Amino acid sequence: MLKLEDIRKSLDLLNDIDWEMTPELAVTLYMEWGNNPVAGKYNIKSKRDFSTYFVINTWHEPVIYLIRRNIEDGIELATIKMPEGLKNRFLKSIGHNKGVYCIEGEVKDWLKDKLDA
């Protein structure tokens, strides 16, 4: 499993990260592909097409995952713990609900800063 430092050192991986990808869009593109046309830059035609993106999972201890997904699989490349203050503010912003969330706002800014992205 990769760490923040590993991601920061890999220019190829950094360039692959889609900072605008959301969990909902990933499901539409890769799990329901062919059924839901999505306008824009995404053109999923085969298992060679993939996206690399971050999500926040709050089902247990809130963590950030770096996911690489194609039509066959979603692989967790990295698990990243948030600093306590950031984690608490994020949980408060979502009403302490359980789920999988896109990265945005302060979390996204923190990640980009840590990755020099």
N, C-alpha and C. Protein backbone atom coordinates (compact mmCIF):
# COMPACT_ATOMS: atom_id res chain seq x y z
N MET A 1 0.85 -1.17 0.00
CA MET A 1 0.00 0.00 0.00
C MET A 1 0.90 1.24 0.00
N LEU A 2 0.60 2.16 -0.88
CA LEU A 2 1.41 3.38 -1.00
C LEU A 2 1.14 4.34 0.16
N LYS A 3 2.12 5.19 0.41
CA LYS A 3 1.99 6.26 1.40
C LYS A 3 2.04 7.60 0.65
N LEU A 4 1.69 8.66 1.36
CA LEU A 4 1.72 10.00 0.74
C LEU A 4 3.06 10.27 0.06
N GLU A 5 4.14 9.94 0.74
CA GLU A 5 5.48 10.19 0.19
C GLU A 5 5.70 9.43 -1.13
N ASP A 6 5.20 8.20 -1.21
CA ASP A 6 5.33 7.41 -2.44
C ASP A 6 4.58 8.07 -3.59
N ILE A 7 3.39 8.56 -3.30
CA ILE A 7 2.59 9.22 -4.34
C ILE A 7 3.30 10.49 -4.80
N ARG A 8 3.80 11.26 -3.84
CA ARG A 8 4.46 12.53 -4.16
C ARG A 8 5.69 12.33 -5.03
N LYS A 9 6.38 11.21 -4.85
CA LYS A 9 7.60 10.93 -5.61
C LYS A 9 7.33 10.37 -7.00
N SER A 10 6.09 9.96 -7.27
CA SER A 10 5.76 9.34 -8.55
C SER A 10 5.05 10.33 -9.47
N LEU A 11 5.80 10.92 -10.36
CA LEU A 11 5.23 11.90 -11.29
C LEU A 11 4.14 11.27 -12.17
N ASP A 12 4.38 10.02 -12.60
CA ASP A 12 3.36 9.34 -13.42
C ASP A 12 2.05 9.18 -12.66
N LEU A 13 2.15 8.75 -11.42
CA LEU A 13 0.94 8.58 -10.61
C LEU A 13 0.26 9.92 -10.34
N LEU A 14 1.03 10.93 -10.00
CA LEU A 14 0.46 12.26 -9.78
C LEU A 14 -0.27 12.77 -11.02
N ASN A 15 0.32 12.53 -12.17
CA ASN A 15 -0.32 12.98 -13.42
C ASN A 15 -1.58 12.20 -13.74
N ASP A 16 -1.69 10.97 -13.21
CA ASP A 16 -2.88 10.16 -13.45
C ASP A 16 -4.07 10.56 -12.58
N ILE A 17 -3.81 11.26 -11.48
CA ILE A 17 -4.90 11.58 -10.54
C ILE A 17 -5.91 12.52 -11.18
N ASP A 18 -7.16 12.10 -11.14
CA ASP A 18 -8.27 12.92 -11.61
C ASP A 18 -8.88 13.60 -10.38
N TRP A 19 -8.54 14.86 -10.18
CA TRP A 19 -8.96 15.59 -8.98
C TRP A 19 -10.45 15.93 -9.00
N GLU A 20 -11.11 15.75 -10.13
CA GLU A 20 -12.53 16.07 -10.24
C GLU A 20 -13.42 14.82 -10.18
N MET A 21 -12.83 13.64 -10.19
CA MET A 21 -13.61 12.40 -10.15
C MET A 21 -14.30 12.26 -8.79
N THR A 22 -15.55 11.84 -8.82
CA THR A 22 -16.31 11.59 -7.60
C THR A 22 -16.69 10.11 -7.56
N PRO A 23 -17.01 9.59 -6.39
CA PRO A 23 -17.46 8.20 -6.33
C PRO A 23 -18.68 7.93 -7.20
N GLU A 24 -19.60 8.87 -7.26
CA GLU A 24 -20.81 8.71 -8.06
C GLU A 24 -20.48 8.63 -9.55
N LEU A 25 -19.60 9.51 -10.01
CA LEU A 25 -19.21 9.49 -11.41
C LEU A 25 -18.45 8.22 -11.75
N ALA A 26 -17.61 7.75 -10.83
CA ALA A 26 -16.87 6.50 -11.07
C ALA A 26 -17.82 5.32 -11.25
N VAL A 27 -18.88 5.26 -10.44
CA VAL A 27 -19.88 4.19 -10.60
C VAL A 27 -20.54 4.30 -11.96
N THR A 28 -20.92 5.50 -12.34
CA THR A 28 -21.57 5.70 -13.64
C THR A 28 -20.65 5.29 -14.78
N LEU A 29 -19.39 5.68 -14.69
CA LEU A 29 -18.46 5.41 -15.78
C LEU A 29 -18.02 3.95 -15.87
N TYR A 30 -17.74 3.35 -14.74
CA TYR A 30 -17.08 2.05 -14.76
C TYR A 30 -17.95 0.87 -14.36
N MET A 31 -19.00 1.10 -13.63
CA MET A 31 -19.84 -0.02 -13.23
C MET A 31 -21.13 -0.06 -14.05
N GLU A 32 -21.49 1.06 -14.63
CA GLU A 32 -22.69 1.13 -15.45
C GLU A 32 -22.35 1.61 -16.86
N TRP A 33 -21.09 1.39 -17.25
CA TRP A 33 -20.64 1.91 -18.54
C TRP A 33 -21.45 1.30 -19.66
N GLY A 34 -21.70 2.11 -20.66
CA GLY A 34 -22.53 1.68 -21.77
C GLY A 34 -24.00 2.01 -21.56
N ASN A 35 -24.41 2.14 -20.31
CA ASN A 35 -25.81 2.43 -20.02
C ASN A 35 -26.05 3.91 -19.78
N ASN A 36 -25.03 4.63 -19.41
CA ASN A 36 -25.19 6.03 -19.04
C ASN A 36 -24.16 6.88 -19.78
N PRO A 37 -24.58 7.55 -20.82
CA PRO A 37 -23.62 8.41 -21.51
C PRO A 37 -23.23 9.58 -20.60
N VAL A 38 -21.94 9.83 -20.53
CA VAL A 38 -21.43 10.92 -19.72
C VAL A 38 -20.68 11.86 -20.66
N ALA A 39 -21.16 13.08 -20.72
CA ALA A 39 -20.51 14.06 -21.59
C ALA A 39 -19.20 14.52 -20.98
N GLY A 40 -18.33 15.02 -21.80
CA GLY A 40 -17.08 15.58 -21.30
C GLY A 40 -15.87 14.77 -21.71
N LYS A 41 -14.89 14.76 -20.84
CA LYS A 41 -13.59 14.18 -21.18
C LYS A 41 -13.52 12.67 -21.04
N TYR A 42 -14.56 12.02 -20.54
CA TYR A 42 -14.52 10.59 -20.28
C TYR A 42 -15.05 9.81 -21.47
N ASN A 43 -14.28 8.84 -21.92
CA ASN A 43 -14.68 8.00 -23.02
C ASN A 43 -14.23 6.57 -22.70
N ILE A 44 -15.03 5.86 -21.93
CA ILE A 44 -14.67 4.53 -21.45
C ILE A 44 -15.11 3.51 -22.49
N LYS A 45 -14.13 2.79 -23.06
CA LYS A 45 -14.45 1.81 -24.09
C LYS A 45 -13.99 0.40 -23.74
N SER A 46 -13.02 0.27 -22.84
CA SER A 46 -12.49 -1.05 -22.53
C SER A 46 -11.88 -1.07 -21.14
N LYS A 47 -11.41 -2.25 -20.74
CA LYS A 47 -10.78 -2.38 -19.42
C LYS A 47 -9.43 -1.68 -19.33
N ARG A 48 -8.89 -1.25 -20.47
CA ARG A 48 -7.64 -0.48 -20.45
C ARG A 48 -7.85 0.97 -20.00
N ASP A 49 -9.08 1.44 -20.06
CA ASP A 49 -9.41 2.79 -19.61
C ASP A 49 -9.60 2.77 -18.10
N PHE A 50 -8.98 3.72 -17.41
CA PHE A 50 -9.07 3.74 -15.95
C PHE A 50 -9.05 5.18 -15.45
N SER A 51 -9.43 5.32 -14.21
CA SER A 51 -9.31 6.61 -13.51
C SER A 51 -8.62 6.35 -12.18
N THR A 52 -7.84 7.32 -11.76
CA THR A 52 -7.17 7.29 -10.46
C THR A 52 -7.68 8.51 -9.70
N TYR A 53 -8.25 8.28 -8.53
CA TYR A 53 -8.91 9.36 -7.81
C TYR A 53 -8.96 9.06 -6.32
N PHE A 54 -9.22 10.09 -5.54
CA PHE A 54 -9.33 9.97 -4.09
C PHE A 54 -10.79 9.93 -3.66
N VAL A 55 -11.05 9.17 -2.59
CA VAL A 55 -12.35 9.18 -1.92
C VAL A 55 -12.09 9.19 -0.42
N ILE A 56 -13.10 9.62 0.33
CA ILE A 56 -13.04 9.55 1.79
C ILE A 56 -14.08 8.53 2.22
N ASN A 57 -13.64 7.53 2.97
CA ASN A 57 -14.53 6.49 3.45
C ASN A 57 -14.71 6.68 4.96
N THR A 58 -15.96 6.82 5.39
CA THR A 58 -16.24 7.05 6.81
C THR A 58 -16.99 5.89 7.45
N TRP A 59 -17.02 4.73 6.82
CA TRP A 59 -17.75 3.60 7.40
C TRP A 59 -17.12 3.13 8.70
N HIS A 60 -15.84 3.28 8.83
CA HIS A 60 -15.14 2.96 10.08
C HIS A 60 -14.38 4.23 10.47
N GLU A 61 -13.12 4.12 10.72
CA GLU A 61 -12.29 5.31 10.96
C GLU A 61 -12.18 6.06 9.63
N PRO A 62 -12.50 7.34 9.60
CA PRO A 62 -12.43 8.07 8.33
C PRO A 62 -11.01 8.06 7.75
N VAL A 63 -10.91 7.59 6.51
CA VAL A 63 -9.63 7.56 5.81
C VAL A 63 -9.84 7.99 4.37
N ILE A 64 -8.76 8.42 3.77
CA ILE A 64 -8.74 8.78 2.36
C ILE A 64 -8.11 7.61 1.61
N TYR A 65 -8.77 7.17 0.55
CA TYR A 65 -8.22 6.13 -0.30
C TYR A 65 -7.87 6.73 -1.66
N LEU A 66 -6.75 6.30 -2.21
CA LEU A 66 -6.44 6.56 -3.61
C LEU A 66 -6.85 5.30 -4.36
N ILE A 67 -7.78 5.45 -5.28
CA ILE A 67 -8.39 4.33 -6.00
C ILE A 67 -7.98 4.38 -7.46
N ARG A 68 -7.70 3.23 -8.04
CA ARG A 68 -7.56 3.12 -9.49
C ARG A 68 -8.66 2.17 -9.94
N ARG A 69 -9.55 2.66 -10.81
CA ARG A 69 -10.73 1.88 -11.21
C ARG A 69 -10.80 1.76 -12.72
N ASN A 70 -11.18 0.55 -13.16
CA ASN A 70 -11.57 0.34 -14.55
C ASN A 70 -12.88 -0.45 -14.54
N ILE A 71 -13.30 -0.97 -15.67
CA ILE A 71 -14.60 -1.63 -15.71
C ILE A 71 -14.61 -2.98 -15.01
N GLU A 72 -13.43 -3.50 -14.69
CA GLU A 72 -13.35 -4.80 -14.03
C GLU A 72 -13.10 -4.72 -12.54
N ASP A 73 -12.43 -3.67 -12.09
CA ASP A 73 -11.96 -3.68 -10.71
C ASP A 73 -11.69 -2.27 -10.19
N GLY A 74 -11.74 -2.14 -8.89
CA GLY A 74 -11.30 -0.94 -8.21
C GLY A 74 -10.23 -1.35 -7.21
N ILE A 75 -9.04 -0.80 -7.35
CA ILE A 75 -7.91 -1.17 -6.50
C ILE A 75 -7.55 0.00 -5.61
N GLU A 76 -7.41 -0.27 -4.32
CA GLU A 76 -6.96 0.76 -3.38
C GLU A 76 -5.44 0.82 -3.46
N LEU A 77 -4.93 1.93 -3.96
CA LEU A 77 -3.49 2.10 -4.09
C LEU A 77 -2.86 2.63 -2.81
N ALA A 78 -3.62 3.45 -2.09
CA ALA A 78 -3.08 4.08 -0.87
C ALA A 78 -4.20 4.31 0.13
N THR A 79 -3.83 4.25 1.40
CA THR A 79 -4.72 4.61 2.50
C THR A 79 -4.04 5.73 3.26
N ILE A 80 -4.72 6.85 3.40
CA ILE A 80 -4.13 8.05 4.00
C ILE A 80 -4.98 8.51 5.17
N LYS A 81 -4.35 8.65 6.31
CA LYS A 81 -5.05 9.17 7.48
C LYS A 81 -5.01 10.69 7.44
N MET A 82 -6.13 11.29 7.82
CA MET A 82 -6.21 12.74 7.90
C MET A 82 -5.73 13.18 9.28
N PRO A 83 -5.15 14.37 9.36
CA PRO A 83 -4.82 14.92 10.68
C PRO A 83 -6.12 15.04 11.51
N GLU A 84 -6.00 14.90 12.79
CA GLU A 84 -7.16 14.86 13.68
C GLU A 84 -8.10 16.06 13.49
N GLY A 85 -7.56 17.26 13.42
CA GLY A 85 -8.40 18.45 13.25
C GLY A 85 -9.16 18.43 11.94
N LEU A 86 -8.48 18.08 10.86
CA LEU A 86 -9.11 18.00 9.55
C LEU A 86 -10.20 16.92 9.54
N LYS A 87 -9.89 15.78 10.12
CA LYS A 87 -10.85 14.68 10.20
C LYS A 87 -12.10 15.12 10.96
N ASN A 88 -11.92 15.78 12.09
CA ASN A 88 -13.06 16.22 12.90
C ASN A 88 -13.92 17.25 12.16
N ARG A 89 -13.27 18.19 11.47
CA ARG A 89 -14.02 19.20 10.71
C ARG A 89 -14.79 18.54 9.56
N PHE A 90 -14.15 17.57 8.90
CA PHE A 90 -14.83 16.88 7.81
C PHE A 90 -16.04 16.12 8.33
N LEU A 91 -15.85 15.36 9.41
CA LEU A 91 -16.97 14.60 9.98
C LEU A 91 -18.12 15.52 10.37
N LYS A 92 -17.80 16.66 10.96
CA LYS A 92 -18.84 17.62 11.33
C LYS A 92 -19.58 18.12 10.09
N SER A 93 -18.82 18.36 8.99
CA SER A 93 -19.44 18.89 7.77
C SER A 93 -20.41 17.92 7.12
N ILE A 94 -20.24 16.61 7.39
CA ILE A 94 -21.14 15.61 6.81
C ILE A 94 -22.12 15.06 7.84
N GLY A 95 -22.18 15.72 8.99
CA GLY A 95 -23.12 15.30 10.03
C GLY A 95 -22.76 13.95 10.64
N HIS A 96 -21.48 13.60 10.59
CA HIS A 96 -20.98 12.33 11.14
C HIS A 96 -21.67 11.12 10.50
N ASN A 97 -22.13 11.27 9.26
CA ASN A 97 -22.77 10.17 8.55
C ASN A 97 -21.74 9.20 7.99
N LYS A 98 -22.13 7.97 7.83
CA LYS A 98 -21.28 6.93 7.25
C LYS A 98 -21.46 6.94 5.74
N GLY A 99 -20.38 6.74 5.01
CA GLY A 99 -20.48 6.69 3.56
C GLY A 99 -19.14 6.87 2.89
N VAL A 100 -19.20 7.04 1.58
CA VAL A 100 -18.01 7.29 0.76
C VAL A 100 -18.23 8.64 0.09
N TYR A 101 -17.28 9.53 0.26
CA TYR A 101 -17.43 10.92 -0.18
C TYR A 101 -16.30 11.33 -1.12
N CYS A 102 -16.59 12.29 -1.97
CA CYS A 102 -15.54 12.86 -2.81
C CYS A 102 -14.67 13.79 -1.97
N ILE A 103 -13.48 14.03 -2.47
CA ILE A 103 -12.63 15.00 -1.78
C ILE A 103 -12.94 16.37 -2.36
N GLU A 104 -13.05 17.32 -1.48
CA GLU A 104 -13.30 18.70 -1.89
C GLU A 104 -12.89 19.63 -0.76
N GLY A 105 -12.90 20.89 -1.04
CA GLY A 105 -12.64 21.89 -0.01
C GLY A 105 -11.33 21.70 0.71
N GLU A 106 -11.40 21.75 2.03
CA GLU A 106 -10.21 21.71 2.88
C GLU A 106 -9.44 20.39 2.73
N VAL A 107 -10.14 19.28 2.57
CA VAL A 107 -9.45 17.99 2.41
C VAL A 107 -8.67 17.96 1.11
N LYS A 108 -9.28 18.43 0.04
CA LYS A 108 -8.62 18.47 -1.26
C LYS A 108 -7.41 19.40 -1.21
N ASP A 109 -7.57 20.55 -0.60
CA ASP A 109 -6.45 21.49 -0.46
C ASP A 109 -5.31 20.88 0.34
N TRP A 110 -5.65 20.16 1.42
CA TRP A 110 -4.62 19.52 2.26
C TRP A 110 -3.86 18.48 1.45
N LEU A 111 -4.58 17.65 0.71
CA LEU A 111 -3.93 16.61 -0.11
C LEU A 111 -3.02 17.22 -1.17
N LYS A 112 -3.52 18.21 -1.88
CA LYS A 112 -2.71 18.85 -2.92
C LYS A 112 -1.46 19.47 -2.32
N ASP A 113 -1.58 20.06 -1.14
CA ASP A 113 -0.42 20.64 -0.48
C ASP A 113 0.59 19.55 -0.11
N LYS A 114 0.12 18.45 0.46
CA LYS A 114 0.99 17.35 0.86
C LYS A 114 1.67 16.68 -0.32
N LEU A 115 1.00 16.69 -1.48
CA LEU A 115 1.54 16.05 -2.67
C LEU A 115 2.26 17.02 -3.60
N ASP A 116 2.32 18.28 -3.22
CA ASP A 116 2.90 19.32 -4.08
C ASP A 116 2.26 19.29 -5.46
N ALA A 117 0.95 19.06 -5.48
CA ALA A 117 0.21 18.94 -6.75
C ALA A 117 -0.37 20.27 -7.16
